[in-house]
Amino acid sequence: METPKIFESEYRFCLLLWEYEPINSTHLAHLCRENLGWSKATTYTVLRRLAERGILKNENATVTSLVSKQEVQRSRLRQMVDETFEGSVPAFIAAFSHSKQLTKQDRDQLRDLINSYEEE
């Protein structure tokens, strides 16, 4: 199943959910007011929309995610690579490595990751 698209404001909302779940919807609305500046109505609108899209469930005022943070991050990254780098992972890594200095540890981890794919 493909991970549903999550927009930026929804992603910030989900970060709170993933950190505190399972969470009472009233408490989640309070966290959204504190952290995102959202009204209670905005929070409940986002809750409803994400539930309709199968991203979370809200049962008996308890909110839990149906999609993991890792799934959403992978989906967002795939979309960004597709849209910005025409699907080229090497172009993405080249751009990333030019914008952020990679440490020796970073380079070693990338080599290990590539090597693990070659062994499959």
PDB file of N, CA and C in Angstrom:
ATOM      1  N   MET A   1       0.836  -1.180   0.000  1.00  0.00           N
ATOM      2  CA  MET A   1       0.000   0.000   0.000  1.00  0.00           C
ATOM      3  C   MET A   1       0.887   1.252   0.000  1.00  0.00           C
ATOM      4  N   GLU A   2       0.551   2.191  -0.827  1.00  0.00           N
ATOM      5  CA  GLU A   2       1.316   3.429  -0.929  1.00  0.00           C
ATOM      6  C   GLU A   2       0.985   4.332   0.257  1.00  0.00           C
ATOM      7  N   THR A   3       2.018   4.967   0.804  1.00  0.00           N
ATOM      8  CA  THR A   3       1.825   5.888   1.918  1.00  0.00           C
ATOM      9  C   THR A   3       1.091   7.122   1.420  1.00  0.00           C
ATOM     10  N   PRO A   4      -0.006   7.502   2.095  1.00  0.00           N
ATOM     11  CA  PRO A   4      -0.731   8.705   1.665  1.00  0.00           C
ATOM     12  C   PRO A   4       0.154   9.942   1.782  1.00  0.00           C
ATOM     13  N   LYS A   5      -0.071  10.897   0.875  1.00  0.00           N
ATOM     14  CA  LYS A   5       0.684  12.141   0.907  1.00  0.00           C
ATOM     15  C   LYS A   5       0.292  12.943   2.145  1.00  0.00           C
ATOM     16  N   ILE A   6       1.291  13.479   2.805  1.00  0.00           N
ATOM     17  CA  ILE A   6       1.072  14.311   3.985  1.00  0.00           C
ATOM     18  C   ILE A   6       1.725  15.658   3.719  1.00  0.00           C
ATOM     19  N   PHE A   7       0.926  16.710   3.815  1.00  0.00           N
ATOM     20  CA  PHE A   7       1.414  18.056   3.564  1.00  0.00           C
ATOM     21  C   PHE A   7       2.217  18.559   4.761  1.00  0.00           C
ATOM     22  N   GLU A   8       2.967  19.638   4.575  1.00  0.00           N
ATOM     23  CA  GLU A   8       3.901  20.121   5.591  1.00  0.00           C
ATOM     24  C   GLU A   8       3.231  20.378   6.940  1.00  0.00           C
ATOM     25  N   SER A   9       2.120  21.085   6.962  1.00  0.00           N
ATOM     26  CA  SER A   9       1.454  21.369   8.241  1.00  0.00           C
ATOM     27  C   SER A   9       0.949  20.072   8.881  1.00  0.00           C
ATOM     28  N   GLU A  10       0.481  19.138   8.066  1.00  0.00           N
ATOM     29  CA  GLU A  10       0.047  17.845   8.589  1.00  0.00           C
ATOM     30  C   GLU A  10       1.226  17.061   9.147  1.00  0.00           C
ATOM     31  N   TYR A  11       2.376  17.180   8.504  1.00  0.00           N
ATOM     32  CA  TYR A  11       3.580  16.489   8.979  1.00  0.00           C
ATOM     33  C   TYR A  11       3.980  17.011  10.356  1.00  0.00           C
ATOM     34  N   ARG A  12       3.943  18.325  10.545  1.00  0.00           N
ATOM     35  CA  ARG A  12       4.274  18.898  11.858  1.00  0.00           C
ATOM     36  C   ARG A  12       3.292  18.401  12.914  1.00  0.00           C
ATOM     37  N   PHE A  13       2.027  18.278  12.543  1.00  0.00           N
ATOM     38  CA  PHE A  13       1.013  17.723  13.428  1.00  0.00           C
ATOM     39  C   PHE A  13       1.359  16.271  13.774  1.00  0.00           C
ATOM     40  N   CYS A  14       1.696  15.488  12.739  1.00  0.00           N
ATOM     41  CA  CYS A  14       2.026  14.074  12.949  1.00  0.00           C
ATOM     42  C   CYS A  14       3.258  13.891  13.828  1.00  0.00           C
ATOM     43  N   LEU A  15       4.215  14.807  13.734  1.00  0.00           N
ATOM     44  CA  LEU A  15       5.380  14.713  14.615  1.00  0.00           C
ATOM     45  C   LEU A  15       4.957  14.747  16.073  1.00  0.00           C
ATOM     46  N   LEU A  16       3.998  15.596  16.400  1.00  0.00           N
ATOM     47  CA  LEU A  16       3.468  15.635  17.774  1.00  0.00           C
ATOM     48  C   LEU A  16       2.756  14.322  18.101  1.00  0.00           C
ATOM     49  N   LEU A  17       1.942  13.859  17.181  1.00  0.00           N
ATOM     50  CA  LEU A  17       1.212  12.612  17.408  1.00  0.00           C
ATOM     51  C   LEU A  17       2.175  11.455  17.655  1.00  0.00           C
ATOM     52  N   TRP A  18       3.169  11.306  16.791  1.00  0.00           N
ATOM     53  CA  TRP A  18       4.113  10.192  16.935  1.00  0.00           C
ATOM     54  C   TRP A  18       4.862  10.259  18.261  1.00  0.00           C
ATOM     55  N   GLU A  19       5.130  11.466  18.731  1.00  0.00           N
ATOM     56  CA  GLU A  19       5.866  11.618  19.992  1.00  0.00           C
ATOM     57  C   GLU A  19       5.024  11.221  21.196  1.00  0.00           C
ATOM     58  N   TYR A  20       3.719  11.477  21.151  1.00  0.00           N
ATOM     59  CA  TYR A  20       2.883  11.307  22.340  1.00  0.00           C
ATOM     60  C   TYR A  20       1.842  10.194  22.242  1.00  0.00           C
ATOM     61  N   GLU A  21       1.726   9.534  21.104  1.00  0.00           N
ATOM     62  CA  GLU A  21       0.650   8.560  20.951  1.00  0.00           C
ATOM     63  C   GLU A  21       0.813   7.343  21.842  1.00  0.00           C
ATOM     64  N   PRO A  22      -0.292   6.698  22.199  1.00  0.00           N
ATOM     65  CA  PRO A  22      -1.668   7.143  21.991  1.00  0.00           C
ATOM     66  C   PRO A  22      -1.952   8.362  22.869  1.00  0.00           C
ATOM     67  N   ILE A  23      -2.761   9.247  22.349  1.00  0.00           N
ATOM     68  CA  ILE A  23      -3.003  10.507  23.044  1.00  0.00           C
ATOM     69  C   ILE A  23      -4.483  10.885  22.968  1.00  0.00           C
ATOM     70  N   ASN A  24      -4.960  11.447  24.040  1.00  0.00           N
ATOM     71  CA  ASN A  24      -6.320  11.953  24.087  1.00  0.00           C
ATOM     72  C   ASN A  24      -6.436  13.134  23.127  1.00  0.00           C
ATOM     73  N   SER A  25      -7.514  13.212  22.365  1.00  0.00           N
ATOM     74  CA  SER A  25      -7.664  14.260  21.365  1.00  0.00           C
ATOM     75  C   SER A  25      -7.679  15.661  21.985  1.00  0.00           C
ATOM     76  N   THR A  26      -8.214  15.807  23.179  1.00  0.00           N
ATOM     77  CA  THR A  26      -8.203  17.108  23.847  1.00  0.00           C
ATOM     78  C   THR A  26      -6.779  17.514  24.198  1.00  0.00           C
ATOM     79  N   HIS A  27      -5.999  16.566  24.687  1.00  0.00           N
ATOM     80  CA  HIS A  27      -4.592  16.850  25.001  1.00  0.00           C
ATOM     81  C   HIS A  27      -3.814  17.174  23.727  1.00  0.00           C
ATOM     82  N   LEU A  28      -4.116  16.461  22.639  1.00  0.00           N
ATOM     83  CA  LEU A  28      -3.458  16.734  21.358  1.00  0.00           C
ATOM     84  C   LEU A  28      -3.797  18.145  20.871  1.00  0.00           C
ATOM     85  N   ALA A  29      -5.054  18.562  21.040  1.00  0.00           N
ATOM     86  CA  ALA A  29      -5.452  19.922  20.652  1.00  0.00           C
ATOM     87  C   ALA A  29      -4.679  20.953  21.468  1.00  0.00           C
ATOM     88  N   HIS A  30      -4.467  20.657  22.746  1.00  0.00           N
ATOM     89  CA  HIS A  30      -3.686  21.561  23.607  1.00  0.00           C
ATOM     90  C   HIS A  30      -2.236  21.642  23.110  1.00  0.00           C
ATOM     91  N   LEU A  31      -1.633  20.506  22.775  1.00  0.00           N
ATOM     92  CA  LEU A  31      -0.259  20.492  22.256  1.00  0.00           C
ATOM     93  C   LEU A  31      -0.163  21.252  20.935  1.00  0.00           C
ATOM     94  N   CYS A  32      -1.169  21.115  20.094  1.00  0.00           N
ATOM     95  CA  CYS A  32      -1.174  21.828  18.808  1.00  0.00           C
ATOM     96  C   CYS A  32      -1.281  23.335  19.023  1.00  0.00           C
ATOM     97  N   ARG A  33      -2.049  23.748  20.016  1.00  0.00           N
ATOM     98  CA  ARG A  33      -2.144  25.180  20.322  1.00  0.00           C
ATOM     99  C   ARG A  33      -0.784  25.698  20.800  1.00  0.00           C
ATOM    100  N   GLU A  34      -0.134  24.942  21.697  1.00  0.00           N
ATOM    101  CA  GLU A  34       1.169  25.355  22.243  1.00  0.00           C
ATOM    102  C   GLU A  34       2.282  25.334  21.198  1.00  0.00           C
ATOM    103  N   ASN A  35       2.326  24.290  20.395  1.00  0.00           N
ATOM    104  CA  ASN A  35       3.463  24.067  19.494  1.00  0.00           C
ATOM    105  C   ASN A  35       3.265  24.582  18.071  1.00  0.00           C
ATOM    106  N   LEU A  36       2.013  24.612  17.622  1.00  0.00           N
ATOM    107  CA  LEU A  36       1.742  24.995  16.237  1.00  0.00           C
ATOM    108  C   LEU A  36       0.926  26.272  16.130  1.00  0.00           C
ATOM    109  N   GLY A  37       0.399  26.739  17.255  1.00  0.00           N
ATOM    110  CA  GLY A  37      -0.422  27.944  17.241  1.00  0.00           C
ATOM    111  C   GLY A  37      -1.804  27.717  16.655  1.00  0.00           C
ATOM    112  N   TRP A  38      -2.267  26.467  16.663  1.00  0.00           N
ATOM    113  CA  TRP A  38      -3.543  26.117  16.070  1.00  0.00           C
ATOM    114  C   TRP A  38      -4.685  26.275  17.061  1.00  0.00           C
ATOM    115  N   SER A  39      -5.848  26.620  16.542  1.00  0.00           N
ATOM    116  CA  SER A  39      -7.065  26.614  17.360  1.00  0.00           C
ATOM    117  C   SER A  39      -7.539  25.164  17.502  1.00  0.00           C
ATOM    118  N   LYS A  40      -8.453  24.962  18.442  1.00  0.00           N
ATOM    119  CA  LYS A  40      -9.031  23.633  18.633  1.00  0.00           C
ATOM    120  C   LYS A  40      -9.741  23.179  17.350  1.00  0.00           C
ATOM    121  N   ALA A  41     -10.448  24.101  16.696  1.00  0.00           N
ATOM    122  CA  ALA A  41     -11.172  23.769  15.465  1.00  0.00           C
ATOM    123  C   ALA A  41     -10.214  23.314  14.362  1.00  0.00           C
ATOM    124  N   THR A  42      -9.080  23.985  14.232  1.00  0.00           N
ATOM    125  CA  THR A  42      -8.088  23.600  13.216  1.00  0.00           C
ATOM    126  C   THR A  42      -7.571  22.196  13.504  1.00  0.00           C
ATOM    127  N   THR A  43      -7.253  21.931  14.757  1.00  0.00           N
ATOM    128  CA  THR A  43      -6.752  20.606  15.132  1.00  0.00           C
ATOM    129  C   THR A  43      -7.759  19.528  14.778  1.00  0.00           C
ATOM    130  N   TYR A  44      -9.015  19.738  15.119  1.00  0.00           N
ATOM    131  CA  TYR A  44     -10.027  18.726  14.849  1.00  0.00           C
ATOM    132  C   TYR A  44     -10.307  18.577  13.350  1.00  0.00           C
ATOM    133  N   THR A  45     -10.146  19.635  12.593  1.00  0.00           N
ATOM    134  CA  THR A  45     -10.283  19.540  11.134  1.00  0.00           C
ATOM    135  C   THR A  45      -9.164  18.672  10.565  1.00  0.00           C
ATOM    136  N   VAL A  46      -7.928  18.904  11.020  1.00  0.00           N
ATOM    137  CA  VAL A  46      -6.790  18.106  10.553  1.00  0.00           C
ATOM    138  C   VAL A  46      -6.956  16.652  10.990  1.00  0.00           C
ATOM    139  N   LEU A  47      -7.397  16.435  12.221  1.00  0.00           N
ATOM    140  CA  LEU A  47      -7.653  15.075  12.706  1.00  0.00           C
ATOM    141  C   LEU A  47      -8.637  14.345  11.785  1.00  0.00           C
ATOM    142  N   ARG A  48      -9.729  15.015  11.458  1.00  0.00           N
ATOM    143  CA  ARG A  48     -10.746  14.410  10.613  1.00  0.00           C
ATOM    144  C   ARG A  48     -10.184  14.084   9.229  1.00  0.00           C
ATOM    145  N   ARG A  49      -9.458  15.030   8.635  1.00  0.00           N
ATOM    146  CA  ARG A  49      -8.913  14.816   7.286  1.00  0.00           C
ATOM    147  C   ARG A  49      -7.903  13.672   7.258  1.00  0.00           C
ATOM    148  N   LEU A  50      -7.039  13.620   8.261  1.00  0.00           N
ATOM    149  CA  LEU A  50      -6.041  12.547   8.300  1.00  0.00           C
ATOM    150  C   LEU A  50      -6.693  11.194   8.569  1.00  0.00           C
ATOM    151  N   ALA A  51      -7.738  11.177   9.364  1.00  0.00           N
ATOM    152  CA  ALA A  51      -8.473   9.930   9.601  1.00  0.00           C
ATOM    153  C   ALA A  51      -9.148   9.461   8.315  1.00  0.00           C
ATOM    154  N   GLU A  52      -9.735  10.381   7.572  1.00  0.00           N
ATOM    155  CA  GLU A  52     -10.391  10.037   6.303  1.00  0.00           C
ATOM    156  C   GLU A  52      -9.404   9.456   5.295  1.00  0.00           C
ATOM    157  N   ARG A  53      -8.155   9.894   5.368  1.00  0.00           N
ATOM    158  CA  ARG A  53      -7.128   9.420   4.430  1.00  0.00           C
ATOM    159  C   ARG A  53      -6.371   8.203   4.960  1.00  0.00           C
ATOM    160  N   GLY A  54      -6.770   7.679   6.128  1.00  0.00           N
ATOM    161  CA  GLY A  54      -6.159   6.468   6.658  1.00  0.00           C
ATOM    162  C   GLY A  54      -4.802   6.666   7.294  1.00  0.00           C
ATOM    163  N   ILE A  55      -4.495   7.869   7.741  1.00  0.00           N
ATOM    164  CA  ILE A  55      -3.202   8.167   8.334  1.00  0.00           C
ATOM    165  C   ILE A  55      -3.234   7.992   9.851  1.00  0.00           C
ATOM    166  N   LEU A  56      -4.398   8.213  10.434  1.00  0.00           N
ATOM    167  CA  LEU A  56      -4.557   8.035  11.870  1.00  0.00           C
ATOM    168  C   LEU A  56      -5.967   7.569  12.158  1.00  0.00           C
ATOM    169  N   LYS A  57      -6.178   7.156  13.402  1.00  0.00           N
ATOM    170  CA  LYS A  57      -7.544   6.846  13.829  1.00  0.00           C
ATOM    171  C   LYS A  57      -7.806   7.571  15.138  1.00  0.00           C
ATOM    172  N   ASN A  58      -9.065   7.946  15.310  1.00  0.00           N
ATOM    173  CA  ASN A  58      -9.514   8.654  16.499  1.00  0.00           C
ATOM    174  C   ASN A  58     -10.725   7.897  17.028  1.00  0.00           C
ATOM    175  N   GLU A  59     -10.473   7.014  17.983  1.00  0.00           N
ATOM    176  CA  GLU A  59     -11.541   6.200  18.562  1.00  0.00           C
ATOM    177  C   GLU A  59     -11.674   6.510  20.033  1.00  0.00           C
ATOM    178  N   ASN A  60     -12.895   6.815  20.447  1.00  0.00           N
ATOM    179  CA  ASN A  60     -13.170   7.129  21.852  1.00  0.00           C
ATOM    180  C   ASN A  60     -12.240   8.221  22.358  1.00  0.00           C
ATOM    181  N   ALA A  61     -11.993   9.223  21.520  1.00  0.00           N
ATOM    182  CA  ALA A  61     -11.162  10.387  21.835  1.00  0.00           C
ATOM    183  C   ALA A  61      -9.692  10.033  22.050  1.00  0.00           C
ATOM    184  N   THR A  62      -9.272   8.851  21.601  1.00  0.00           N
ATOM    185  CA  THR A  62      -7.867   8.463  21.654  1.00  0.00           C
ATOM    186  C   THR A  62      -7.336   8.395  20.229  1.00  0.00           C
ATOM    187  N   VAL A  63      -6.275   9.155  19.986  1.00  0.00           N
ATOM    188  CA  VAL A  63      -5.712   9.264  18.642  1.00  0.00           C
ATOM    189  C   VAL A  63      -4.439   8.423  18.550  1.00  0.00           C
ATOM    190  N   THR A  64      -4.362   7.600  17.516  1.00  0.00           N
ATOM    191  CA  THR A  64      -3.160   6.811  17.232  1.00  0.00           C
ATOM    192  C   THR A  64      -2.889   6.864  15.734  1.00  0.00           C
ATOM    193  N   SER A  65      -1.638   6.714  15.376  1.00  0.00           N
ATOM    194  CA  SER A  65      -1.269   6.742  13.960  1.00  0.00           C
ATOM    195  C   SER A  65      -1.458   5.366  13.344  1.00  0.00           C
ATOM    196  N   LEU A  66      -1.755   5.364  12.064  1.00  0.00           N
ATOM    197  CA  LEU A  66      -1.832   4.134  11.281  1.00  0.00           C
ATOM    198  C   LEU A  66      -0.654   4.036  10.320  1.00  0.00           C
ATOM    199  N   VAL A  67       0.102   5.121  10.211  1.00  0.00           N
ATOM    200  CA  VAL A  67       1.273   5.204   9.335  1.00  0.00           C
ATOM    201  C   VAL A  67       2.445   5.660  10.200  1.00  0.00           C
ATOM    202  N   SER A  68       3.568   4.976  10.082  1.00  0.00           N
ATOM    203  CA  SER A  68       4.721   5.304  10.930  1.00  0.00           C
ATOM    204  C   SER A  68       5.474   6.526  10.416  1.00  0.00           C
ATOM    205  N   LYS A  69       6.221   7.107  11.312  1.00  0.00           N
ATOM    206  CA  LYS A  69       7.063   8.256  10.971  1.00  0.00           C
ATOM    207  C   LYS A  69       8.046   7.867   9.865  1.00  0.00           C
ATOM    208  N   GLN A  70       8.635   6.687   9.969  1.00  0.00           N
ATOM    209  CA  GLN A  70       9.608   6.236   8.979  1.00  0.00           C
ATOM    210  C   GLN A  70       8.968   6.078   7.601  1.00  0.00           C
ATOM    211  N   GLU A  71       7.748   5.550   7.550  1.00  0.00           N
ATOM    212  CA  GLU A  71       7.049   5.400   6.271  1.00  0.00           C
ATOM    213  C   GLU A  71       6.818   6.762   5.621  1.00  0.00           C
ATOM    214  N   VAL A  72       6.384   7.718   6.422  1.00  0.00           N
ATOM    215  CA  VAL A  72       6.101   9.053   5.893  1.00  0.00           C
ATOM    216  C   VAL A  72       7.391   9.729   5.440  1.00  0.00           C
ATOM    217  N   GLN A  73       8.452   9.608   6.232  1.00  0.00           N
ATOM    218  CA  GLN A  73       9.722  10.217   5.848  1.00  0.00           C
ATOM    219  C   GLN A  73      10.245   9.622   4.549  1.00  0.00           C
ATOM    220  N   ARG A  74      10.161   8.304   4.401  1.00  0.00           N
ATOM    221  CA  ARG A  74      10.610   7.659   3.152  1.00  0.00           C
ATOM    222  C   ARG A  74       9.779   8.142   1.961  1.00  0.00           C
ATOM    223  N   SER A  75       8.469   8.247   2.156  1.00  0.00           N
ATOM    224  CA  SER A  75       7.591   8.700   1.084  1.00  0.00           C
ATOM    225  C   SER A  75       7.894  10.138   0.683  1.00  0.00           C
ATOM    226  N   ARG A  76       8.081  11.015   1.682  1.00  0.00           N
ATOM    227  CA  ARG A  76       8.385  12.421   1.394  1.00  0.00           C
ATOM    228  C   ARG A  76       9.723  12.547   0.684  1.00  0.00           C
ATOM    229  N   LEU A  77      10.694  11.750   1.096  1.00  0.00           N
ATOM    230  CA  LEU A  77      12.016  11.794   0.468  1.00  0.00           C
ATOM    231  C   LEU A  77      11.955  11.298  -0.973  1.00  0.00           C
ATOM    232  N   ARG A  78      11.230  10.187  -1.193  1.00  0.00           N
ATOM    233  CA  ARG A  78      11.069   9.675  -2.567  1.00  0.00           C
ATOM    234  C   ARG A  78      10.441  10.729  -3.461  1.00  0.00           C
ATOM    235  N   GLN A  79       9.413  11.389  -2.952  1.00  0.00           N
ATOM    236  CA  GLN A  79       8.725  12.418  -3.736  1.00  0.00           C
ATOM    237  C   GLN A  79       9.666  13.574  -4.051  1.00  0.00           C
ATOM    238  N   MET A  80      10.451  13.998  -3.064  1.00  0.00           N
ATOM    239  CA  MET A  80      11.384  15.105  -3.273  1.00  0.00           C
ATOM    240  C   MET A  80      12.457  14.732  -4.300  1.00  0.00           C
ATOM    241  N   VAL A  81      12.993  13.519  -4.203  1.00  0.00           N
ATOM    242  CA  VAL A  81      14.008  13.075  -5.168  1.00  0.00           C
ATOM    243  C   VAL A  81      13.395  13.006  -6.571  1.00  0.00           C
ATOM    244  N   ASP A  82      12.187  12.487  -6.665  1.00  0.00           N
ATOM    245  CA  ASP A  82      11.518  12.400  -7.970  1.00  0.00           C
ATOM    246  C   ASP A  82      11.281  13.781  -8.569  1.00  0.00           C
ATOM    247  N   GLU A  83      10.757  14.692  -7.764  1.00  0.00           N
ATOM    248  CA  GLU A  83      10.379  16.010  -8.270  1.00  0.00           C
ATOM    249  C   GLU A  83      11.574  16.933  -8.499  1.00  0.00           C
ATOM    250  N   THR A  84      12.558  16.880  -7.620  1.00  0.00           N
ATOM    251  CA  THR A  84      13.658  17.829  -7.672  1.00  0.00           C
ATOM    252  C   THR A  84      14.865  17.314  -8.446  1.00  0.00           C
ATOM    253  N   PHE A  85      15.105  15.998  -8.377  1.00  0.00           N
ATOM    254  CA  PHE A  85      16.309  15.432  -8.987  1.00  0.00           C
ATOM    255  C   PHE A  85      15.981  14.417 -10.084  1.00  0.00           C
ATOM    256  N   GLU A  86      14.745  14.512 -10.615  1.00  0.00           N
ATOM    257  CA  GLU A  86      14.290  13.638 -11.701  1.00  0.00           C
ATOM    258  C   GLU A  86      14.505  12.161 -11.363  1.00  0.00           C
ATOM    259  N   GLY A  87      14.336  11.822 -10.082  1.00  0.00           N
ATOM    260  CA  GLY A  87      14.447  10.441  -9.633  1.00  0.00           C
ATOM    261  C   GLY A  87      15.862   9.946  -9.442  1.00  0.00           C
ATOM    262  N   SER A  88      16.862  10.800  -9.588  1.00  0.00           N
ATOM    263  CA  SER A  88      18.263  10.377  -9.499  1.00  0.00           C
ATOM    264  C   SER A  88      18.787  10.478  -8.064  1.00  0.00           C
ATOM    265  N   VAL A  89      18.995   9.320  -7.439  1.00  0.00           N
ATOM    266  CA  VAL A  89      19.559   9.299  -6.085  1.00  0.00           C
ATOM    267  C   VAL A  89      20.989   9.846  -6.082  1.00  0.00           C
ATOM    268  N   PRO A  90      21.850   9.481  -7.070  1.00  0.00           N
ATOM    269  CA  PRO A  90      23.195  10.070  -7.085  1.00  0.00           C
ATOM    270  C   PRO A  90      23.171  11.604  -7.176  1.00  0.00           C
ATOM    271  N   ALA A  91      22.255  12.160  -7.967  1.00  0.00           N
ATOM    272  CA  ALA A  91      22.163  13.624  -8.053  1.00  0.00           C
ATOM    273  C   ALA A  91      21.744  14.212  -6.718  1.00  0.00           C
ATOM    274  N   PHE A  92      20.825  13.543  -6.026  1.00  0.00           N
ATOM    275  CA  PHE A  92      20.403  13.993  -4.698  1.00  0.00           C
ATOM    276  C   PHE A  92      21.587  13.978  -3.723  1.00  0.00           C
ATOM    277  N   ILE A  93      22.314  12.874  -3.694  1.00  0.00           N
ATOM    278  CA  ILE A  93      23.446  12.751  -2.761  1.00  0.00           C
ATOM    279  C   ILE A  93      24.525  13.778  -3.096  1.00  0.00           C
ATOM    280  N   ALA A  94      24.773  13.995  -4.377  1.00  0.00           N
ATOM    281  CA  ALA A  94      25.771  14.999  -4.769  1.00  0.00           C
ATOM    282  C   ALA A  94      25.346  16.385  -4.296  1.00  0.00           C
ATOM    283  N   ALA A  95      24.103  16.744  -4.498  1.00  0.00           N
ATOM    284  CA  ALA A  95      23.618  18.059  -4.052  1.00  0.00           C
ATOM    285  C   ALA A  95      23.672  18.164  -2.535  1.00  0.00           C
ATOM    286  N   PHE A  96      23.266  17.111  -1.853  1.00  0.00           N
ATOM    287  CA  PHE A  96      23.272  17.114  -0.394  1.00  0.00           C
ATOM    288  C   PHE A  96      24.694  17.247   0.145  1.00  0.00           C
ATOM    289  N   SER A  97      25.617  16.491  -0.441  1.00  0.00           N
ATOM    290  CA  SER A  97      26.989  16.511   0.071  1.00  0.00           C
ATOM    291  C   SER A  97      27.690  17.834  -0.194  1.00  0.00           C
ATOM    292  N   HIS A  98      27.220  18.588  -1.203  1.00  0.00           N
ATOM    293  CA  HIS A  98      27.800  19.904  -1.460  1.00  0.00           C
ATOM    294  C   HIS A  98      27.217  20.965  -0.532  1.00  0.00           C
ATOM    295  N   SER A  99      26.023  20.719  -0.019  1.00  0.00           N
ATOM    296  CA  SER A  99      25.391  21.705   0.863  1.00  0.00           C
ATOM    297  C   SER A  99      25.726  21.455   2.326  1.00  0.00           C
ATOM    298  N   LYS A 100      26.190  20.259   2.650  1.00  0.00           N
ATOM    299  CA  LYS A 100      26.534  19.916   4.030  1.00  0.00           C
ATOM    300  C   LYS A 100      27.821  19.104   3.995  1.00  0.00           C
ATOM    301  N   GLN A 101      28.790  19.549   4.717  1.00  0.00           N
ATOM    302  CA  GLN A 101      30.067  18.834   4.765  1.00  0.00           C
ATOM    303  C   GLN A 101      29.872  17.470   5.415  1.00  0.00           C
ATOM    304  N   LEU A 102      30.204  16.401   4.671  1.00  0.00           N
ATOM    305  CA  LEU A 102      30.085  15.061   5.216  1.00  0.00           C
ATOM    306  C   LEU A 102      31.314  14.723   6.041  1.00  0.00           C
ATOM    307  N   THR A 103      31.080  14.212   7.241  1.00  0.00           N
ATOM    308  CA  THR A 103      32.186  13.787   8.098  1.00  0.00           C
ATOM    309  C   THR A 103      32.698  12.442   7.604  1.00  0.00           C
ATOM    310  N   LYS A 104      33.829  12.024   8.122  1.00  0.00           N
ATOM    311  CA  LYS A 104      34.365  10.701   7.789  1.00  0.00           C
ATOM    312  C   LYS A 104      33.367   9.631   8.206  1.00  0.00           C
ATOM    313  N   GLN A 105      32.745   9.815   9.345  1.00  0.00           N
ATOM    314  CA  GLN A 105      31.743   8.863   9.815  1.00  0.00           C
ATOM    315  C   GLN A 105      30.550   8.798   8.848  1.00  0.00           C
ATOM    316  N   ASP A 106      30.101   9.953   8.346  1.00  0.00           N
ATOM    317  CA  ASP A 106      29.018   9.991   7.359  1.00  0.00           C
ATOM    318  C   ASP A 106      29.409   9.201   6.112  1.00  0.00           C
ATOM    319  N   ARG A 107      30.622   9.455   5.612  1.00  0.00           N
ATOM    320  CA  ARG A 107      31.083   8.777   4.397  1.00  0.00           C
ATOM    321  C   ARG A 107      31.184   7.271   4.617  1.00  0.00           C
ATOM    322  N   ASP A 108      31.696   6.876   5.784  1.00  0.00           N
ATOM    323  CA  ASP A 108      31.809   5.450   6.097  1.00  0.00           C
ATOM    324  C   ASP A 108      30.433   4.793   6.165  1.00  0.00           C
ATOM    325  N   GLN A 109      29.473   5.477   6.751  1.00  0.00           N
ATOM    326  CA  GLN A 109      28.116   4.924   6.848  1.00  0.00           C
ATOM    327  C   GLN A 109      27.481   4.795   5.466  1.00  0.00           C
ATOM    328  N   LEU A 110      27.714   5.788   4.599  1.00  0.00           N
ATOM    329  CA  LEU A 110      27.187   5.708   3.238  1.00  0.00           C
ATOM    330  C   LEU A 110      27.821   4.546   2.476  1.00  0.00           C
ATOM    331  N   ARG A 111      29.149   4.370   2.626  1.00  0.00           N
ATOM    332  CA  ARG A 111      29.823   3.247   1.972  1.00  0.00           C
ATOM    333  C   ARG A 111      29.250   1.918   2.452  1.00  0.00           C
ATOM    334  N   ASP A 112      29.066   1.795   3.774  1.00  0.00           N
ATOM    335  CA  ASP A 112      28.515   0.562   4.340  1.00  0.00           C
ATOM    336  C   ASP A 112      27.110   0.293   3.796  1.00  0.00           C
ATOM    337  N   LEU A 113      26.327   1.348   3.671  1.00  0.00           N
ATOM    338  CA  LEU A 113      24.971   1.200   3.139  1.00  0.00           C
ATOM    339  C   LEU A 113      25.002   0.716   1.698  1.00  0.00           C
ATOM    340  N   ILE A 114      25.837   1.329   0.880  1.00  0.00           N
ATOM    341  CA  ILE A 114      25.961   0.916  -0.525  1.00  0.00           C
ATOM    342  C   ILE A 114      26.468  -0.516  -0.617  1.00  0.00           C
ATOM    343  N   ASN A 115      27.465  -0.856   0.192  1.00  0.00           N
ATOM    344  CA  ASN A 115      27.997  -2.204   0.188  1.00  0.00           C
ATOM    345  C   ASN A 115      26.938  -3.232   0.592  1.00  0.00           C
ATOM    346  N   SER A 116      26.065  -2.874   1.523  1.00  0.00           N
ATOM    347  CA  SER A 116      25.023  -3.820   1.951  1.00  0.00           C
ATOM    348  C   SER A 116      24.058  -4.116   0.810  1.00  0.00           C
ATOM    349  N   TYR A 117      23.821  -3.165  -0.080  1.00  0.00           N
ATOM    350  CA  TYR A 117      22.961  -3.404  -1.238  1.00  0.00           C
ATOM    351  C   TYR A 117      23.644  -4.255  -2.281  1.00  0.00           C
ATOM    352  N   GLU A 118      24.960  -4.127  -2.401  1.00  0.00           N
ATOM    353  CA  GLU A 118      25.700  -4.919  -3.369  1.00  0.00           C
ATOM    354  C   GLU A 118      25.745  -6.381  -2.961  1.00  0.00           C
ATOM    355  N   GLU A 119      25.654  -6.666  -1.660  1.00  0.00           N
ATOM    356  CA  GLU A 119      25.712  -8.029  -1.162  1.00  0.00           C
ATOM    357  C   GLU A 119      24.399  -8.762  -1.335  1.00  0.00           C
ATOM    358  N   GLU A 120      23.326  -8.072  -1.577  1.00  0.00           N
ATOM    359  CA  GLU A 120      21.989  -8.711  -1.697  1.00  0.00           C
ATOM    360  C   GLU A 120      21.858  -9.461  -2.994  1.00  0.00           C
TER     361      GLU A 120
END
